[in-house]
Amino acid sequence: MTAPEVTILIVDDDPTLLRLLGILLREEGFRVLAADSGAQALALLAVERPQLLVTDLRMEGMDGMALFDAVRRTCPMLPVIILTAHGTIPEAVAATRGGVFGFLTKPYEAKALLAEVEKALHGYVAPAAMDSDDTPIVTRSPLMQSVLEEARVVAATDASVLILGDTGSGKELLAQTIHDWSPRRDAPFIAVNCGAIPEQLLESELFGHVKGSFTGATRDHRGLFPEAEGGTIFLDEIGDMALPLQVKLLRVLQEREVRPVGAARAVPIDVRVISATHRDLDAEAAADRFREDLYYRINVVNLRLPPLAERREDIPLLAGHFLAALAAKYRKKVNGFASDATDALLCAAWPGNVRQLFNTVEKCVALATTPIVPLALVERALDRSGEDISSFDEARRAFERDYLLQLMKITDGNVTHAARIAKRNRSDFYSLLHRHQIEPALFKT
């Protein structure tokens, strides 16, 4: 039932038990990654995409539950089995309620462990399936890959989806991708920015109107919901929608029909709704600026897009992708960025996220006079002096491990390059990597 490509990450601070567990799983045909601490496991997860995590509960430093909590934030769909010699019923109940797939007490029987492994792997959506060419989303970030894994699963259903993320992080692109992966892919995908249309016109735009229903209504207008029949409507910046219209939208979602402005009868609809906002809708609902019942209706599943600053390993990939497309658009022979120009892109703050990166690359291509974009041109395009990320010495110690992992990913494990970006000498940088059990070789491509 197993396959050689299935990868399991095992974690235990007892080297003997770690080795024996690895032997057992390899004999069953699994590819095994081994870590002797929670910190080392997180470092491996930054560059590997296992289908299962098996960890000891009681370990020095980060224990199994702390590791699970950290993994859940970045890989929420990764099943986790926890092993312990100190298992108690309350611990097992707390672990499974928290989302842990399985909880086994040591010494465990090999047959029982393998049965639990098979159950955990059954139905798991393999990350490799998410890396296909049928998405326009360019990424190598584990954070984004986790979002895409969830998006792939929810796309097969008709559940309403709420996409959260900063302005420019790619919410509409993700909504389009969910539609393209769904059974509704051959029907329309219609996007509407709820914050860009005046309140008095938005109802008519969404639901339609009949001729003569208001001044200027010189003909019937079908509306975007009916236009999206059988497909998907994407309500961007739904947090900006006025309360009176929220009531009408809630009725549409509950009754699955729309009543055009001025019409005597409602029209049944079959439309999937994906919404997005950069606002904190929990806070908006608490302040009575967003209806709580509508919030629950649109928030069946929520997907949170990380800002570009949290997936810097994607910056060179995205910049190169944009450069190639824009060079073709402007018919210019621009082939790439100088190494120090790439460093400047990596270190910029990017408050405007992917949209700002695209705009910056477009400025560079438009003004380029050489095949390689120099640092001076990138600095001019950025035009945001003083907003670069902090040097390593200024970074807060609590984020030290994430900072190092980020540098290793964006430099493909090149310690000299990473040390230069961090403004540390090479030997000091090696000491920092050792302190956090980060192996540069794991990041080499």
Protein backbone atom coordinates (compact mmCIF):
# COMPACT_ATOMS: atom_id res chain seq x y z
CA MET A 1 0.00 0.00 0.00
CA THR A 2 2.99 2.26 0.37
CA ALA A 3 4.96 4.01 -2.35
CA PRO A 4 8.65 4.94 -2.48
CA GLU A 5 7.83 8.61 -3.07
CA VAL A 6 5.93 8.90 0.24
CA THR A 7 8.13 10.81 2.69
CA ILE A 8 7.81 10.62 6.48
CA LEU A 9 9.64 12.96 8.85
CA ILE A 10 10.48 11.31 12.20
CA VAL A 11 11.61 13.25 15.27
CA ASP A 12 13.08 11.87 18.51
CA ASP A 13 15.91 13.03 20.75
CA ASP A 14 16.82 9.39 21.54
CA PRO A 15 19.22 8.37 18.72
CA THR A 16 18.58 4.64 19.19
CA LEU A 17 14.81 4.96 18.97
CA LEU A 18 15.15 7.36 16.04
CA ARG A 19 17.33 4.85 14.16
CA LEU A 20 14.99 1.90 14.89
CA LEU A 21 11.91 3.85 13.79
CA GLY A 22 13.71 4.84 10.60
CA ILE A 23 14.62 1.21 9.85
CA LEU A 24 11.01 0.09 10.37
CA LEU A 25 9.58 2.71 8.03
CA ARG A 26 12.26 2.28 5.34
CA GLU A 27 11.60 -1.47 5.28
CA GLU A 28 7.99 -0.63 4.44
CA GLY A 29 9.14 1.37 1.40
CA PHE A 30 8.88 4.90 2.82
CA ARG A 31 11.43 7.63 2.30
CA VAL A 32 12.46 8.76 5.79
CA LEU A 33 13.80 12.09 7.03
CA ALA A 34 15.14 12.06 10.58
CA ALA A 35 15.55 14.91 13.07
CA ASP A 36 16.83 14.68 16.63
CA SER A 37 15.01 17.80 17.84
CA GLY A 38 11.99 19.97 17.12
CA ALA A 39 14.24 22.77 15.86
CA GLN A 40 15.94 20.47 13.36
CA ALA A 41 12.53 19.20 12.21
CA LEU A 42 11.37 22.75 11.48
CA ALA A 43 14.57 23.36 9.52
CA LEU A 44 13.88 20.26 7.43
CA LEU A 45 10.27 21.36 6.85
CA ALA A 46 11.56 24.60 5.38
CA VAL A 47 12.98 22.69 2.41
CA GLU A 48 11.17 19.32 2.37
CA ARG A 49 7.49 18.45 1.95
CA PRO A 50 6.81 15.17 3.80
CA GLN A 51 3.38 13.56 3.81
CA LEU A 52 3.50 12.64 7.50
CA LEU A 53 5.25 13.75 10.70
CA VAL A 54 5.90 11.23 13.50
CA THR A 55 7.35 12.81 16.64
CA ASP A 56 8.18 11.93 20.21
CA LEU A 57 6.23 13.92 22.81
CA ARG A 58 8.85 14.46 25.52
CA MET A 59 12.01 16.02 24.10
CA GLU A 60 14.55 18.54 25.34
CA GLY A 61 13.81 22.07 24.17
CA MET A 62 10.79 21.97 21.88
CA ASP A 63 8.51 19.06 22.80
CA GLY A 64 6.18 17.21 20.45
CA MET A 65 3.12 19.39 21.11
CA ALA A 66 5.12 22.61 20.67
CA LEU A 67 6.46 21.19 17.39
CA PHE A 68 2.91 20.33 16.31
CA ASP A 69 1.73 23.88 17.09
CA ALA A 70 4.59 25.32 15.02
CA VAL A 71 3.93 22.93 12.12
CA ARG A 72 0.20 23.63 12.14
CA ARG A 73 0.86 27.33 11.46
CA THR A 74 2.81 26.63 8.25
CA CYS A 75 1.62 23.15 7.16
CA PRO A 76 -1.95 22.88 8.49
CA MET A 77 -2.77 19.82 6.37
CA LEU A 78 0.26 17.75 7.41
CA PRO A 79 -0.92 14.81 9.57
CA VAL A 80 1.00 14.33 12.83
CA ILE A 81 1.39 11.20 14.96
CA ILE A 82 2.80 11.66 18.46
CA LEU A 83 4.66 8.89 20.29
CA THR A 84 5.36 8.93 24.01
CA ALA A 85 6.48 6.72 26.86
CA HIS A 86 4.59 9.03 29.21
CA GLY A 87 1.17 8.85 27.56
CA THR A 88 -1.89 9.58 29.63
CA ILE A 89 -5.52 9.73 28.67
CA PRO A 90 -5.73 13.53 29.24
CA GLU A 91 -2.65 14.08 27.08
CA ALA A 92 -4.08 11.92 24.29
CA VAL A 93 -7.46 13.65 24.43
CA ALA A 94 -5.83 17.12 24.39
CA ALA A 95 -3.58 16.13 21.51
CA THR A 96 -6.33 14.72 19.32
CA ARG A 97 -8.68 17.60 20.08
CA GLY A 98 -5.88 19.96 19.07
CA GLY A 99 -5.70 18.30 15.65
CA VAL A 100 -3.03 15.63 16.16
CA PHE A 101 -3.96 12.66 13.96
CA GLY A 102 -2.75 9.88 16.27
CA PHE A 103 -1.27 9.34 19.71
CA LEU A 104 0.62 6.09 20.50
CA THR A 105 2.29 5.03 23.74
CA LYS A 106 5.80 3.57 23.69
CA PRO A 107 6.78 0.78 23.55
CA TYR A 108 4.51 0.45 20.53
CA GLU A 109 3.93 -2.60 18.38
CA ALA A 110 5.29 -2.21 14.86
CA LYS A 111 1.98 -3.43 13.40
CA ALA A 112 0.01 -0.83 15.38
CA LEU A 113 2.34 2.00 14.32
CA LEU A 114 2.22 1.00 10.65
CA ALA A 115 -1.56 0.78 10.79
CA GLU A 116 -1.69 4.31 12.22
CA VAL A 117 0.70 5.51 9.51
CA GLU A 118 -1.46 4.01 6.77
CA LYS A 119 -4.58 5.65 8.23
CA ALA A 120 -2.84 9.02 8.44
CA LEU A 121 -1.66 8.80 4.82
CA HIS A 122 -5.04 7.67 3.51
CA GLY A 123 -6.68 10.54 1.67
CA TYR A 124 -3.78 12.96 2.29
CA VAL A 125 -3.30 15.33 -0.67
CA ALA A 126 0.34 14.96 -1.65
CA PRO A 127 2.25 18.23 -2.09
CA ALA A 128 3.57 16.98 -5.43
CA ALA A 129 0.03 17.18 -6.76
CA MET A 130 0.01 20.86 -5.91
CA ASP A 131 3.11 21.66 -7.92
CA SER A 132 1.52 21.01 -11.31
CA ASP A 133 1.57 23.48 -14.17
CA ASP A 134 -2.15 24.22 -13.97
CA THR A 135 -1.78 27.26 -11.71
CA PRO A 136 -0.43 30.72 -12.55
CA ILE A 137 0.83 31.12 -8.98
CA VAL A 138 4.64 31.13 -8.98
CA THR A 139 6.12 29.95 -5.69
CA ARG A 140 8.71 27.83 -3.95
CA SER A 141 7.58 28.94 -0.46
CA PRO A 142 6.33 26.23 1.93
CA LEU A 143 3.84 28.79 3.26
CA MET A 144 2.34 29.33 -0.18
CA GLN A 145 2.49 25.63 -1.01
CA SER A 146 0.42 24.92 2.11
CA VAL A 147 -2.15 27.50 1.02
CA LEU A 148 -2.31 25.88 -2.43
CA GLU A 149 -2.75 22.43 -0.89
CA GLU A 150 -5.78 23.68 1.05
CA ALA A 151 -7.08 25.54 -1.99
CA ARG A 152 -6.86 22.36 -4.09
CA VAL A 153 -8.92 20.42 -1.55
CA VAL A 154 -11.61 23.08 -1.03
CA ALA A 155 -11.86 23.71 -4.79
CA ALA A 156 -13.47 20.30 -5.24
CA THR A 157 -16.33 21.34 -2.95
CA ASP A 158 -18.92 24.11 -3.16
CA ALA A 159 -17.96 25.60 0.21
CA SER A 160 -17.78 29.38 0.47
CA VAL A 161 -14.20 30.57 0.82
CA LEU A 162 -12.86 33.71 2.51
CA ILE A 163 -9.39 34.74 1.36
CA LEU A 164 -7.50 36.93 3.81
CA GLY A 165 -4.33 38.85 3.06
CA ASP A 166 -2.70 42.22 2.66
CA THR A 167 -3.36 44.41 -0.35
CA GLY A 168 -1.40 43.15 -3.35
CA SER A 169 -0.77 39.66 -1.98
CA GLY A 170 -2.66 37.91 -4.80
CA LYS A 171 -6.18 37.28 -3.46
CA GLU A 172 -7.93 37.50 -6.83
CA LEU A 173 -5.34 35.24 -8.46
CA LEU A 174 -5.94 32.61 -5.75
CA ALA A 175 -9.72 32.93 -6.21
CA GLN A 176 -9.33 32.42 -9.96
CA THR A 177 -7.13 29.39 -9.30
CA ILE A 178 -9.74 27.84 -6.97
CA HIS A 179 -12.35 28.34 -9.69
CA ASP A 180 -10.08 26.81 -12.34
CA TRP A 181 -9.51 23.76 -10.13
CA SER A 182 -13.22 23.35 -9.37
CA PRO A 183 -15.99 21.45 -11.21
CA ARG A 184 -17.31 24.92 -12.17
CA ARG A 185 -14.22 25.71 -14.25
CA ASP A 186 -16.12 25.82 -17.57
CA ALA A 187 -18.66 28.35 -16.25
CA PRO A 188 -17.97 32.08 -15.69
CA PHE A 189 -15.62 33.52 -13.08
CA ILE A 190 -16.70 37.07 -12.29
CA ALA A 191 -14.74 39.37 -9.97
CA VAL A 192 -16.15 42.52 -8.41
CA ASN A 193 -14.42 44.97 -6.08
CA CYS A 194 -17.03 45.86 -3.48
CA GLY A 195 -15.02 48.87 -2.32
CA ALA A 196 -14.67 50.39 -5.77
CA ILE A 197 -18.39 50.70 -6.63
CA PRO A 198 -20.55 53.37 -4.95
CA GLU A 199 -22.97 51.93 -2.40
CA GLN A 200 -26.07 53.09 -4.28
CA LEU A 201 -24.92 51.29 -7.45
CA LEU A 202 -23.49 48.09 -5.96
CA GLU A 203 -26.88 46.41 -5.36
CA SER A 204 -27.83 46.93 -9.02
CA GLU A 205 -24.41 45.69 -10.19
CA LEU A 206 -24.63 42.54 -8.09
CA PHE A 207 -28.30 41.61 -8.39
CA GLY A 208 -29.48 43.51 -11.49
CA HIS A 209 -32.42 45.87 -12.03
CA VAL A 210 -35.45 46.21 -14.26
CA LYS A 211 -36.12 49.07 -16.64
CA GLY A 212 -37.58 52.12 -14.91
CA SER A 213 -36.75 50.95 -11.37
CA PHE A 214 -34.77 54.16 -10.73
CA THR A 215 -33.63 57.26 -12.57
CA GLY A 216 -31.28 56.25 -15.34
CA ALA A 217 -32.50 52.63 -15.52
CA THR A 218 -33.31 52.79 -19.23
CA ARG A 219 -33.10 49.04 -19.77
CA ASP A 220 -33.06 45.79 -17.84
CA HIS A 221 -29.70 44.88 -16.30
CA ARG A 222 -29.05 41.24 -15.44
CA GLY A 223 -26.52 41.71 -12.62
CA LEU A 224 -23.25 39.93 -11.81
CA PHE A 225 -24.75 37.12 -9.72
CA PRO A 226 -27.01 35.94 -12.58
CA GLU A 227 -24.12 36.45 -15.04
CA ALA A 228 -22.03 34.05 -12.95
CA GLU A 229 -24.70 31.31 -13.14
CA GLY A 230 -23.10 27.89 -12.73
CA GLY A 231 -19.72 29.46 -11.96
CA THR A 232 -18.04 31.56 -9.30
CA ILE A 233 -18.41 35.15 -8.16
CA PHE A 234 -15.47 36.73 -6.36
CA LEU A 235 -16.42 39.51 -3.94
CA ASP A 236 -13.17 41.37 -3.34
CA GLU A 237 -12.88 43.73 -0.34
CA ILE A 238 -16.19 42.48 1.04
CA GLY A 239 -15.26 44.16 4.32
CA ASP A 240 -16.00 47.52 2.64
CA MET A 241 -19.62 46.58 1.87
CA ALA A 242 -22.26 48.78 3.55
CA LEU A 243 -24.45 47.16 6.23
CA PRO A 244 -27.77 47.48 4.33
CA LEU A 245 -26.31 45.61 1.37
CA GLN A 246 -24.81 42.99 3.69
CA VAL A 247 -28.37 42.12 4.74
CA LYS A 248 -29.41 41.60 1.11
CA LEU A 249 -26.30 39.56 0.33
CA LEU A 250 -26.99 37.32 3.33
CA ARG A 251 -30.49 36.67 2.02
CA VAL A 252 -29.08 35.74 -1.39
CA LEU A 253 -26.64 33.28 0.16
CA GLN A 254 -29.32 31.73 2.39
CA GLU A 255 -32.10 31.45 -0.20
CA ARG A 256 -29.93 30.95 -3.31
CA GLU A 257 -31.95 33.48 -5.28
CA VAL A 258 -31.67 37.17 -6.19
CA ARG A 259 -34.32 39.82 -6.64
CA PRO A 260 -33.27 42.51 -9.15
CA VAL A 261 -33.96 46.08 -8.06
CA GLY A 262 -37.58 46.90 -8.96
CA ALA A 263 -38.46 43.31 -9.84
CA ALA A 264 -41.58 41.56 -8.54
CA ARG A 265 -40.04 38.09 -8.42
CA ALA A 266 -36.76 36.58 -7.31
CA VAL A 267 -34.56 34.59 -9.70
CA PRO A 268 -32.94 31.31 -8.52
CA ILE A 269 -29.16 31.13 -8.87
CA ASP A 270 -26.44 28.49 -8.69
CA VAL A 271 -23.25 30.40 -7.89
CA ARG A 272 -20.25 29.67 -5.72
CA VAL A 273 -19.09 32.63 -3.63
CA ILE A 274 -15.45 33.40 -2.86
CA SER A 275 -14.81 36.54 -0.83
CA ALA A 276 -11.68 38.43 0.12
CA THR A 277 -10.65 41.25 2.39
CA HIS A 278 -7.59 42.87 3.92
CA ARG A 279 -9.65 43.83 6.98
CA ASP A 280 -9.91 41.96 10.29
CA LEU A 281 -13.53 40.80 10.00
CA ASP A 282 -13.54 39.46 13.57
CA ALA A 283 -12.84 43.00 14.79
CA GLU A 284 -15.28 44.49 12.27
CA ALA A 285 -18.04 42.15 13.47
CA ALA A 286 -17.27 42.92 17.12
CA ALA A 287 -17.59 46.63 16.32
CA ASP A 288 -20.92 46.03 14.51
CA ARG A 289 -19.48 47.16 11.19
CA PHE A 290 -19.87 43.73 9.62
CA ARG A 291 -22.77 41.36 10.18
CA GLU A 292 -21.72 38.35 12.22
CA ASP A 293 -24.23 36.05 10.48
CA LEU A 294 -22.86 37.05 7.06
CA TYR A 295 -19.32 36.55 8.32
CA TYR A 296 -20.10 32.95 9.27
CA ARG A 297 -21.84 32.38 5.95
CA ILE A 298 -18.86 33.50 3.80
CA ASN A 299 -16.21 32.08 6.15
CA VAL A 300 -16.86 28.35 5.79
CA VAL A 301 -13.20 27.94 4.83
CA ASN A 302 -10.62 30.70 5.10
CA LEU A 303 -7.26 30.84 3.39
CA ARG A 304 -4.65 33.34 4.55
CA LEU A 305 -2.13 34.56 1.98
CA PRO A 306 1.25 35.39 3.54
CA PRO A 307 2.71 38.81 2.71
CA LEU A 308 5.70 38.83 0.39
CA ALA A 309 7.99 39.72 3.31
CA GLU A 310 7.18 36.29 4.83
CA ARG A 311 8.09 34.39 1.65
CA ARG A 312 11.22 36.14 0.46
CA GLU A 313 12.48 32.97 -1.19
CA ASP A 314 9.82 33.70 -3.85
CA ILE A 315 11.22 37.15 -4.67
CA PRO A 316 13.95 36.06 -7.14
CA LEU A 317 11.52 33.58 -8.72
CA LEU A 318 8.74 36.15 -9.11
CA ALA A 319 11.11 38.90 -10.24
CA GLY A 320 12.53 36.64 -12.95
CA HIS A 321 9.05 35.57 -14.04
CA PHE A 322 7.86 39.18 -14.27
CA LEU A 323 11.07 40.26 -16.01
CA ALA A 324 10.65 37.69 -18.78
CA ALA A 325 7.01 38.61 -19.37
CA LEU A 326 7.63 42.36 -19.31
CA ALA A 327 10.73 42.16 -21.51
CA ALA A 328 8.58 40.41 -24.12
CA LYS A 329 5.82 42.99 -23.70
CA TYR A 330 8.18 45.94 -24.18
CA ARG A 331 10.27 44.10 -26.80
CA LYS A 332 13.46 44.71 -24.83
CA LYS A 333 16.45 42.40 -24.42
CA VAL A 334 16.60 42.38 -20.63
CA ASN A 335 17.82 39.05 -19.29
CA GLY A 336 18.16 39.38 -15.54
CA PHE A 337 19.26 41.32 -12.46
CA ALA A 338 22.79 41.98 -11.23
CA SER A 339 23.56 40.07 -8.03
CA ASP A 340 23.55 43.21 -5.84
CA ALA A 341 20.29 44.28 -7.51
CA THR A 342 18.77 40.92 -6.53
CA ASP A 343 20.01 41.47 -2.97
CA ALA A 344 18.24 44.83 -2.93
CA LEU A 345 15.00 43.18 -4.04
CA LEU A 346 15.39 40.52 -1.36
CA CYS A 347 15.91 43.09 1.40
CA ALA A 348 13.17 45.58 0.47
CA ALA A 349 10.17 45.91 2.80
CA TRP A 350 7.45 45.27 0.14
CA PRO A 351 4.44 46.85 1.86
CA GLY A 352 2.62 46.53 -1.48
CA ASN A 353 3.48 42.84 -1.76
CA VAL A 354 3.49 41.03 -5.14
CA ARG A 355 1.70 43.90 -6.87
CA GLN A 356 4.47 46.28 -5.77
CA LEU A 357 7.16 43.82 -6.90
CA PHE A 358 5.55 43.61 -10.35
CA ASN A 359 5.39 47.40 -10.54
CA THR A 360 9.05 47.68 -9.52
CA VAL A 361 10.16 45.14 -12.11
CA GLU A 362 8.09 46.92 -14.76
CA LYS A 363 9.84 50.22 -13.97
CA CYS A 364 13.19 48.49 -14.25
CA VAL A 365 12.35 46.94 -17.62
CA ALA A 366 10.91 50.18 -18.98
CA LEU A 367 14.07 52.13 -18.05
CA ALA A 368 16.69 49.42 -18.71
CA THR A 369 19.36 50.18 -21.27
CA THR A 370 21.45 47.04 -20.69
CA PRO A 371 20.63 43.30 -20.68
CA ILE A 372 21.33 43.10 -16.92
CA VAL A 373 19.35 45.37 -14.56
CA PRO A 374 21.87 47.16 -12.29
CA LEU A 375 21.50 47.99 -8.58
CA ALA A 376 21.06 51.73 -9.27
CA LEU A 377 17.99 51.06 -11.40
CA VAL A 378 16.40 48.81 -8.76
CA GLU A 379 17.05 51.42 -6.06
CA ARG A 380 15.44 54.07 -8.24
CA ALA A 381 12.43 51.85 -8.92
CA LEU A 382 12.01 51.01 -5.24
CA ASP A 383 12.29 54.63 -4.12
CA ARG A 384 11.71 53.60 -0.52
CA SER A 385 14.90 54.53 1.31
CA GLY A 386 15.03 53.56 4.96
CA GLU A 387 12.38 50.81 4.66
CA ASP A 388 14.69 47.83 4.18
CA ILE A 389 14.52 44.92 6.61
CA SER A 390 16.78 45.11 9.62
CA SER A 391 20.34 43.81 9.62
CA PHE A 392 20.87 40.59 11.55
CA ASP A 393 22.26 42.40 14.62
CA GLU A 394 19.07 44.45 14.84
CA ALA A 395 16.73 41.50 14.41
CA ARG A 396 14.98 40.41 17.58
CA ARG A 397 16.31 37.17 19.00
CA ALA A 398 12.85 35.59 19.04
CA PHE A 399 12.84 35.60 15.23
CA GLU A 400 16.46 34.49 14.84
CA ARG A 401 15.67 30.98 13.65
CA ASP A 402 13.10 32.14 11.09
CA TYR A 403 15.52 34.80 9.88
CA LEU A 404 18.26 32.22 9.31
CA LEU A 405 15.90 29.82 7.54
CA GLN A 406 14.73 32.63 5.30
CA LEU A 407 18.29 33.56 4.35
CA MET A 408 19.20 29.93 3.67
CA LYS A 409 16.19 29.53 1.38
CA ILE A 410 16.72 32.68 -0.66
CA THR A 411 20.44 31.96 -1.12
CA ASP A 412 20.00 28.20 -1.78
CA GLY A 413 22.25 27.39 1.17
CA ASN A 414 25.12 29.69 0.13
CA VAL A 415 26.55 30.65 3.53
CA THR A 416 28.87 33.35 2.15
CA HIS A 417 26.01 35.08 0.37
CA ALA A 418 23.68 34.71 3.38
CA ALA A 419 26.32 36.08 5.76
CA ARG A 420 26.81 39.13 3.53
CA ILE A 421 23.07 39.88 3.53
CA ALA A 422 22.96 39.41 7.34
CA LYS A 423 26.03 41.64 7.80
CA ARG A 424 27.85 38.95 9.82
CA ASN A 425 31.24 37.41 9.20
CA ARG A 426 31.21 33.87 7.84
CA SER A 427 32.45 32.07 10.98
CA ASP A 428 29.91 33.84 13.20
CA PHE A 429 27.19 32.95 10.75
CA TYR A 430 28.17 29.27 10.85
CA SER A 431 27.95 29.42 14.66
CA LEU A 432 24.44 30.83 14.44
CA LEU A 433 23.40 28.08 12.02
CA HIS A 434 24.85 25.45 14.34
CA ARG A 435 23.01 26.95 17.31
CA HIS A 436 19.71 26.48 15.48
CA GLN A 437 20.65 23.07 13.99
CA ILE A 438 20.29 24.37 10.43
CA GLU A 439 22.28 22.47 7.81
CA PRO A 440 23.12 24.62 4.72
CA ALA A 441 23.32 21.48 2.56
CA LEU A 442 19.56 20.98 2.96
CA PHE A 443 18.90 24.17 1.02
CA LYS A 444 21.18 23.57 -1.95
CA THR A 445 19.37 23.04 -5.24
